[in-house]
Amino acid sequence: LVVDANGGKFADGSGNVVVSGKYGETIVAPADPTRTGHKFTGWHKPVEGTFTANDAYVAQWAPETYYAIFNINGEEYAKVPYEFGEKITAPEYTPAAGETFSGWYIPTNTVMGPGDMIFDAKLTTNEYTLSYSYATAPSGAEIPASVTGLNYNSKVDLADATAIDGYIFNGWEYNGTVYAEGSEFTMPEGNVTVIGSYTAIPYSITYNTGDSSVELPASA
């Protein structure tokens, strides 16, 4: 009687076992074989109770089920069951605005092994910079320092511009909107440069002698 482990192994490490006996003697089957990543489900046909003739029995297997565990920043995001040998694919994940997702590194054709498998990914909050510049500015206008380490939707008070005699500061412009000095600005998703500008104050000169008979130059 030949007992075939069919890809598995018996306790002695062999792939098949020969069981001998005389006609009519009770068949004593070997202990169930084992196979990595599989569970033994029995023989391909029922084992006879006694020896009647030469015969063979083939082990039958079913793949075990394990879990692919997907973590983000150390916390479990998804736990997906896979059969042993089944190809693993990463679940979908869409980061929120202002975040960067590294993704799970899964080499091509990675399959489930004989046990749970863990895959790690990182999610980071993006940091942006608010910078200042001038479209037009008189001599002496200083550019305020940039503000770094800002996140999406962060609130920041815009800097005051340099006060220059004879000029009016028009404000800080971004994306078509003009913001006053010191007003609150909400960071978008990305680095920002706000543009300031100045306008010269117009002045006039009027001449007056108090004597209407004196011809005066035109006012400037």
Protein backbone atom coordinates (compact mmCIF):
# COMPACT_ATOMS: atom_id res chain seq x y z
CA LEU A 1 0.00 0.00 0.00
CA VAL A 2 1.62 3.29 -1.15
CA VAL A 3 0.64 6.46 0.70
CA ASP A 4 1.59 9.60 -1.25
CA ALA A 5 1.97 12.94 0.60
CA ASN A 6 1.32 14.81 -2.70
CA GLY A 7 3.70 17.70 -2.10
CA GLY A 8 3.72 17.31 1.67
CA LYS A 9 5.91 15.31 4.00
CA PHE A 10 5.42 12.64 6.58
CA ALA A 11 6.97 12.75 10.05
CA ASP A 12 10.16 11.07 8.78
CA GLY A 13 10.56 13.71 6.05
CA SER A 14 9.65 11.41 3.22
CA GLY A 15 7.16 12.18 0.49
CA ASN A 16 5.56 8.75 0.48
CA VAL A 17 5.26 5.76 2.75
CA VAL A 18 4.80 2.10 1.93
CA VAL A 19 2.50 0.24 4.30
CA SER A 20 2.71 -3.56 4.11
CA GLY A 21 0.43 -6.21 5.45
CA LYS A 22 -1.11 -9.57 4.70
CA TYR A 23 -4.49 -10.05 3.17
CA GLY A 24 -7.20 -9.35 5.72
CA GLU A 25 -4.92 -7.59 8.19
CA THR A 26 -6.00 -4.13 9.46
CA ILE A 27 -4.50 -1.21 7.60
CA VAL A 28 -2.75 1.24 9.91
CA ALA A 29 -2.30 4.49 7.98
CA PRO A 30 0.65 6.74 8.82
CA ALA A 31 0.13 10.01 10.71
CA ASP A 32 -1.24 12.78 8.52
CA PRO A 33 1.42 14.50 6.44
CA THR A 34 2.08 18.24 6.63
CA ARG A 35 2.63 20.83 3.92
CA THR A 36 3.70 24.44 4.22
CA GLY A 37 0.80 26.84 3.78
CA HIS A 38 -1.76 24.05 3.45
CA LYS A 39 -4.13 22.04 5.60
CA PHE A 40 -4.59 18.32 5.13
CA THR A 41 -8.15 17.49 4.07
CA GLY A 42 -7.84 13.70 3.78
CA TRP A 43 -7.05 11.11 1.14
CA HIS A 44 -8.36 11.07 -2.38
CA LYS A 45 -10.54 8.07 -1.44
CA PRO A 46 -11.55 6.34 1.79
CA VAL A 47 -8.91 4.07 3.28
CA GLU A 48 -9.98 0.43 3.31
CA GLY A 49 -10.17 -1.21 6.73
CA THR A 50 -8.08 -4.24 5.76
CA PHE A 51 -5.59 -5.29 3.14
CA THR A 52 -7.29 -6.77 0.10
CA ALA A 53 -4.92 -5.83 -2.73
CA ASN A 54 -2.12 -3.47 -3.64
CA ASP A 55 -3.41 0.10 -3.61
CA ALA A 56 -2.39 3.74 -3.32
CA TYR A 57 -3.72 6.75 -1.42
CA VAL A 58 -2.94 10.37 -2.30
CA ALA A 59 -3.09 13.21 0.20
CA GLN A 60 -5.44 16.10 -0.54
CA TRP A 61 -4.69 19.70 0.44
CA ALA A 62 -6.39 23.07 0.72
CA PRO A 63 -4.42 26.32 0.97
CA GLU A 64 -4.44 28.03 4.35
CA THR A 65 -5.76 31.58 4.62
CA TYR A 66 -3.60 34.31 6.14
CA TYR A 67 -3.84 38.08 6.35
CA ALA A 68 -2.04 40.87 4.56
CA ILE A 69 -1.99 43.69 7.09
CA PHE A 70 -1.56 47.22 5.73
CA ASN A 71 -0.41 49.84 8.24
CA ILE A 72 -0.17 53.60 7.93
CA ASN A 73 2.16 55.31 10.39
CA GLY A 74 2.09 52.18 12.53
CA GLU A 75 -1.70 51.93 12.70
CA GLU A 76 -3.69 49.23 10.94
CA TYR A 77 -5.56 50.52 7.92
CA ALA A 78 -6.69 47.27 6.28
CA LYS A 79 -6.53 43.54 7.03
CA VAL A 80 -7.14 41.52 3.87
CA PRO A 81 -7.41 37.69 3.75
CA TYR A 82 -5.39 35.81 1.13
CA GLU A 83 -4.86 32.16 0.45
CA PHE A 84 -1.31 30.83 0.58
CA GLY A 85 0.36 31.56 -2.76
CA GLU A 86 -2.22 34.14 -3.82
CA LYS A 87 -0.90 37.39 -5.33
CA ILE A 88 -1.11 40.39 -2.99
CA THR A 89 -2.27 43.81 -4.13
CA ALA A 90 -2.35 47.00 -2.10
CA PRO A 91 -5.70 48.53 -1.10
CA GLU A 92 -6.77 51.94 -2.32
CA TYR A 93 -5.89 54.96 -0.23
CA THR A 94 -6.40 58.62 -1.09
CA PRO A 95 -4.57 61.14 1.11
CA ALA A 96 -6.33 64.29 2.21
CA ALA A 97 -5.34 67.70 0.87
CA GLY A 98 -2.01 68.80 2.27
CA GLU A 99 -0.79 65.24 2.91
CA THR A 100 1.66 62.96 1.11
CA PHE A 101 1.20 59.19 1.12
CA SER A 102 4.29 57.05 0.51
CA GLY A 103 2.33 53.97 -0.57
CA TRP A 104 2.96 50.37 0.40
CA TYR A 105 6.03 48.84 -1.17
CA ILE A 106 4.98 45.47 -2.56
CA PRO A 107 7.46 43.90 -5.01
CA THR A 108 5.99 42.65 -8.28
CA ASN A 109 4.30 39.25 -8.01
CA THR A 110 4.48 39.12 -4.22
CA VAL A 111 2.33 36.23 -2.99
CA MET A 112 0.98 35.30 0.41
CA GLY A 113 3.46 33.33 2.48
CA PRO A 114 2.87 30.80 5.25
CA GLY A 115 1.71 33.39 7.77
CA ASP A 116 0.39 36.92 8.10
CA MET A 117 2.37 39.56 6.21
CA ILE A 118 2.70 43.20 7.26
CA PHE A 119 3.20 46.14 4.89
CA ASP A 120 3.97 49.63 6.18
CA ALA A 121 3.40 53.03 4.62
CA LYS A 122 3.91 56.60 5.80
CA LEU A 123 1.53 59.52 5.70
CA THR A 124 3.10 62.92 6.23
CA THR A 125 1.64 66.39 6.58
CA ASN A 126 3.13 68.70 3.97
CA GLU A 127 4.82 71.92 5.06
CA TYR A 128 4.60 75.04 2.93
CA THR A 129 6.22 78.48 2.85
CA LEU A 130 4.60 81.90 2.64
CA SER A 131 6.91 84.39 0.89
CA TYR A 132 6.64 88.11 0.20
CA SER A 133 7.59 90.11 -2.86
CA TYR A 134 6.84 93.48 -4.44
CA ALA A 135 5.47 94.29 -7.86
CA THR A 136 6.36 97.96 -7.38
CA ALA A 137 8.12 99.45 -4.40
CA PRO A 138 10.04 102.66 -3.64
CA SER A 139 13.57 102.69 -2.30
CA GLY A 140 13.69 101.58 1.33
CA ALA A 141 10.84 99.09 1.13
CA GLU A 142 12.02 95.95 2.89
CA ILE A 143 10.71 92.50 2.01
CA PRO A 144 9.27 90.77 5.10
CA ALA A 145 10.76 87.43 6.15
CA SER A 146 9.20 84.28 4.75
CA VAL A 147 7.10 82.11 7.06
CA THR A 148 7.98 78.41 6.91
CA GLY A 149 6.47 75.22 8.35
CA LEU A 150 2.89 76.08 7.44
CA ASN A 151 0.31 73.39 6.72
CA TYR A 152 -2.71 73.28 4.45
CA ASN A 153 -5.45 75.50 5.96
CA SER A 154 -3.04 77.07 8.45
CA LYS A 155 -3.91 80.63 9.46
CA VAL A 156 -1.21 83.28 9.33
CA ASP A 157 -1.33 87.06 9.84
CA LEU A 158 0.23 88.87 6.92
CA ALA A 159 3.20 91.11 7.68
CA ASP A 160 3.16 94.88 7.77
CA ALA A 161 4.90 96.57 4.86
CA THR A 162 7.55 99.24 5.36
CA ALA A 163 6.04 102.69 5.80
CA ILE A 164 7.53 105.01 3.17
CA ASP A 165 6.94 108.78 3.20
CA GLY A 166 4.99 109.87 0.15
CA TYR A 167 3.62 106.44 -0.66
CA ILE A 168 0.54 104.40 0.13
CA PHE A 169 0.87 100.63 0.51
CA ASN A 170 -1.87 98.94 -1.50
CA GLY A 171 -1.83 95.58 0.28
CA TRP A 172 -0.71 92.01 -0.40
CA GLU A 173 -2.21 90.35 -3.48
CA TYR A 174 -2.64 86.61 -4.04
CA ASN A 175 -4.68 84.91 -6.72
CA GLY A 176 -6.66 88.05 -7.50
CA THR A 177 -7.49 88.95 -3.90
CA VAL A 178 -5.84 91.86 -2.08
CA TYR A 179 -5.26 91.48 1.67
CA ALA A 180 -4.55 94.30 4.07
CA GLU A 181 -1.48 94.32 6.28
CA GLY A 182 -2.02 92.16 9.38
CA SER A 183 -5.06 90.42 7.93
CA GLU A 184 -5.50 86.68 8.31
CA PHE A 185 -4.47 84.51 5.38
CA THR A 186 -5.42 80.85 4.94
CA MET A 187 -2.75 78.67 3.36
CA PRO A 188 -3.71 76.73 0.23
CA GLU A 189 -2.15 73.42 -0.78
CA GLY A 190 1.29 74.61 -1.84
CA ASN A 191 3.87 77.33 -1.38
CA VAL A 192 2.60 80.90 -1.71
CA THR A 193 4.09 84.25 -2.65
CA VAL A 194 1.99 87.33 -1.87
CA ILE A 195 2.78 90.41 -3.94
CA GLY A 196 2.76 93.90 -2.47
CA SER A 197 2.72 97.25 -4.25
CA TYR A 198 2.92 100.96 -3.45
CA THR A 199 1.29 104.01 -5.03
CA ALA A 200 2.88 107.46 -4.84
CA ILE A 201 0.70 110.04 -3.12
CA PRO A 202 -0.06 112.96 -5.52
CA TYR A 203 0.55 116.48 -4.20
CA SER A 204 -0.30 119.93 -5.67
CA ILE A 205 1.35 123.36 -5.31
CA THR A 206 -0.80 126.45 -5.24
CA TYR A 207 0.65 129.99 -5.55
CA ASN A 208 -0.97 132.89 -3.68
CA THR A 209 0.59 136.37 -3.25
CA GLY A 210 -2.46 138.15 -1.91
CA ASP A 211 -2.24 140.66 -4.75
CA SER A 212 -4.57 139.98 -7.62
CA SER A 213 -2.65 142.26 -9.92
CA VAL A 214 0.37 139.95 -9.83
CA GLU A 215 0.40 137.35 -12.57
CA LEU A 216 0.96 133.91 -10.95
CA PRO A 217 2.42 130.79 -12.56
CA ALA A 218 0.09 127.86 -13.13
CA SER A 219 -0.47 125.66 -10.11
CA ALA A 220 1.58 122.49 -10.17
